[in-house]
Amino acid sequence: MKKGTVVSLVTLTGEFVGKFEDHTSAGVKLKDPRWVIHGEQGMGFAHGLCSTGKNDPTNVEFFSGGIVFVTECNEDVEKAYRSATSGLIL
């Protein structure tokens, strides 16, 4: 995967979207990660990665033991993610 590709990262506890940074034996690093949430209005992105975490973190490393898989996002999710992280409506 190329650095900067917008990916979906699925763990045992949830799904996250971010820009791929690096993959090592320890885990996967994402830039500008967002937690995928579902509500009455449909799917969206939380401002943090967990209920008690810092809002809008710039980087995160997911450890290999908790990752189920990583894949490129579909076009609709990538567009929504870029709007959410840039503040621009695409």
Protein backbone atom coordinates (compact mmCIF):
# COMPACT_ATOMS: atom_id res chain seq x y z
CA MET A 1 0.00 0.00 0.00
CA LYS A 2 1.26 3.47 -0.82
CA LYS A 3 1.83 6.06 1.89
CA GLY A 4 -1.11 8.47 1.99
CA THR A 5 -3.68 5.97 0.66
CA VAL A 6 -6.98 6.29 2.55
CA VAL A 7 -7.66 2.91 4.14
CA SER A 8 -10.21 1.14 6.30
CA LEU A 9 -8.60 -0.66 9.23
CA VAL A 10 -10.80 -3.19 10.99
CA THR A 11 -10.02 -4.34 14.52
CA LEU A 12 -11.79 -6.68 16.91
CA THR A 13 -13.41 -3.62 18.53
CA GLY A 14 -14.27 -1.36 15.59
CA GLU A 15 -13.47 0.15 12.22
CA PHE A 16 -11.18 3.10 11.58
CA VAL A 17 -10.35 5.17 8.49
CA GLY A 18 -7.12 7.07 7.94
CA LYS A 19 -4.18 7.70 5.66
CA PHE A 20 -1.78 4.77 5.53
CA GLU A 21 1.66 5.69 6.87
CA ASP A 22 3.58 2.48 7.59
CA HIS A 23 3.31 -1.22 8.30
CA THR A 24 5.82 -3.12 10.43
CA SER A 25 5.72 -6.38 12.34
CA ALA A 26 4.55 -4.33 15.34
CA GLY A 27 1.50 -2.88 13.59
CA VAL A 28 0.03 -0.32 11.20
CA LYS A 29 0.39 3.45 11.50
CA LEU A 30 -2.35 5.79 10.26
CA LYS A 31 -2.30 9.56 9.86
CA ASP A 32 -5.45 11.59 10.68
CA PRO A 33 -7.35 8.50 11.90
CA ARG A 34 -11.10 8.55 12.47
CA TRP A 35 -13.33 6.05 14.26
CA VAL A 36 -16.29 4.97 12.10
CA ILE A 37 -19.59 5.35 13.96
CA HIS A 38 -23.19 4.59 13.03
CA GLY A 39 -26.25 6.53 14.15
CA GLU A 40 -29.72 7.63 13.10
CA GLN A 41 -28.25 9.75 10.29
CA GLY A 42 -26.15 6.84 8.97
CA MET A 43 -22.40 6.35 9.04
CA GLY A 44 -20.04 9.07 10.21
CA PHE A 45 -16.69 9.74 11.84
CA ALA A 46 -16.08 10.40 15.52
CA HIS A 47 -13.64 13.14 16.49
CA GLY A 48 -11.61 10.69 18.54
CA LEU A 49 -10.55 7.07 18.47
CA CYS A 50 -12.13 6.08 21.75
CA SER A 51 -14.56 7.56 24.23
CA THR A 52 -11.83 9.05 26.43
CA GLY A 53 -9.16 9.86 23.84
CA LYS A 54 -7.93 13.16 22.48
CA ASN A 55 -10.06 14.77 19.77
CA ASP A 56 -8.75 14.65 16.20
CA PRO A 57 -5.46 12.81 16.82
CA THR A 58 -2.85 13.25 14.10
CA ASN A 59 -1.26 9.79 14.27
CA VAL A 60 -1.96 6.38 15.77
CA GLU A 61 -0.37 2.95 15.69
CA PHE A 62 -2.61 -0.11 15.78
CA PHE A 63 -0.78 -3.15 17.12
CA SER A 64 -0.76 -6.25 14.92
CA GLY A 65 -2.52 -8.48 17.46
CA GLY A 66 -5.77 -6.50 17.25
CA ILE A 67 -5.96 -5.91 13.49
CA VAL A 68 -8.34 -8.11 11.49
CA PHE A 69 -7.54 -6.54 8.10
CA VAL A 70 -6.65 -3.33 6.23
CA THR A 71 -8.03 -2.41 2.82
CA GLU A 72 -8.38 0.66 0.61
CA CYS A 73 -11.61 2.60 1.20
CA ASN A 74 -14.31 2.80 -1.41
CA GLU A 75 -14.70 6.15 -3.21
CA ASP A 76 -17.71 7.34 -1.19
CA VAL A 77 -16.02 6.73 2.16
CA GLU A 78 -12.77 8.31 0.98
CA LYS A 79 -14.67 11.43 -0.16
CA ALA A 80 -16.54 11.66 3.18
CA TYR A 81 -13.28 11.12 5.11
CA ARG A 82 -11.46 13.85 3.17
CA SER A 83 -14.35 16.25 3.83
CA ALA A 84 -14.34 15.37 7.54
CA THR A 85 -10.59 15.85 7.95
CA SER A 86 -10.16 18.91 5.73
CA GLY A 87 -13.34 20.77 6.61
CA LEU A 88 -14.05 21.20 2.87
CA ILE A 89 -17.20 19.88 1.26
CA LEU A 90 -16.20 17.73 -1.72
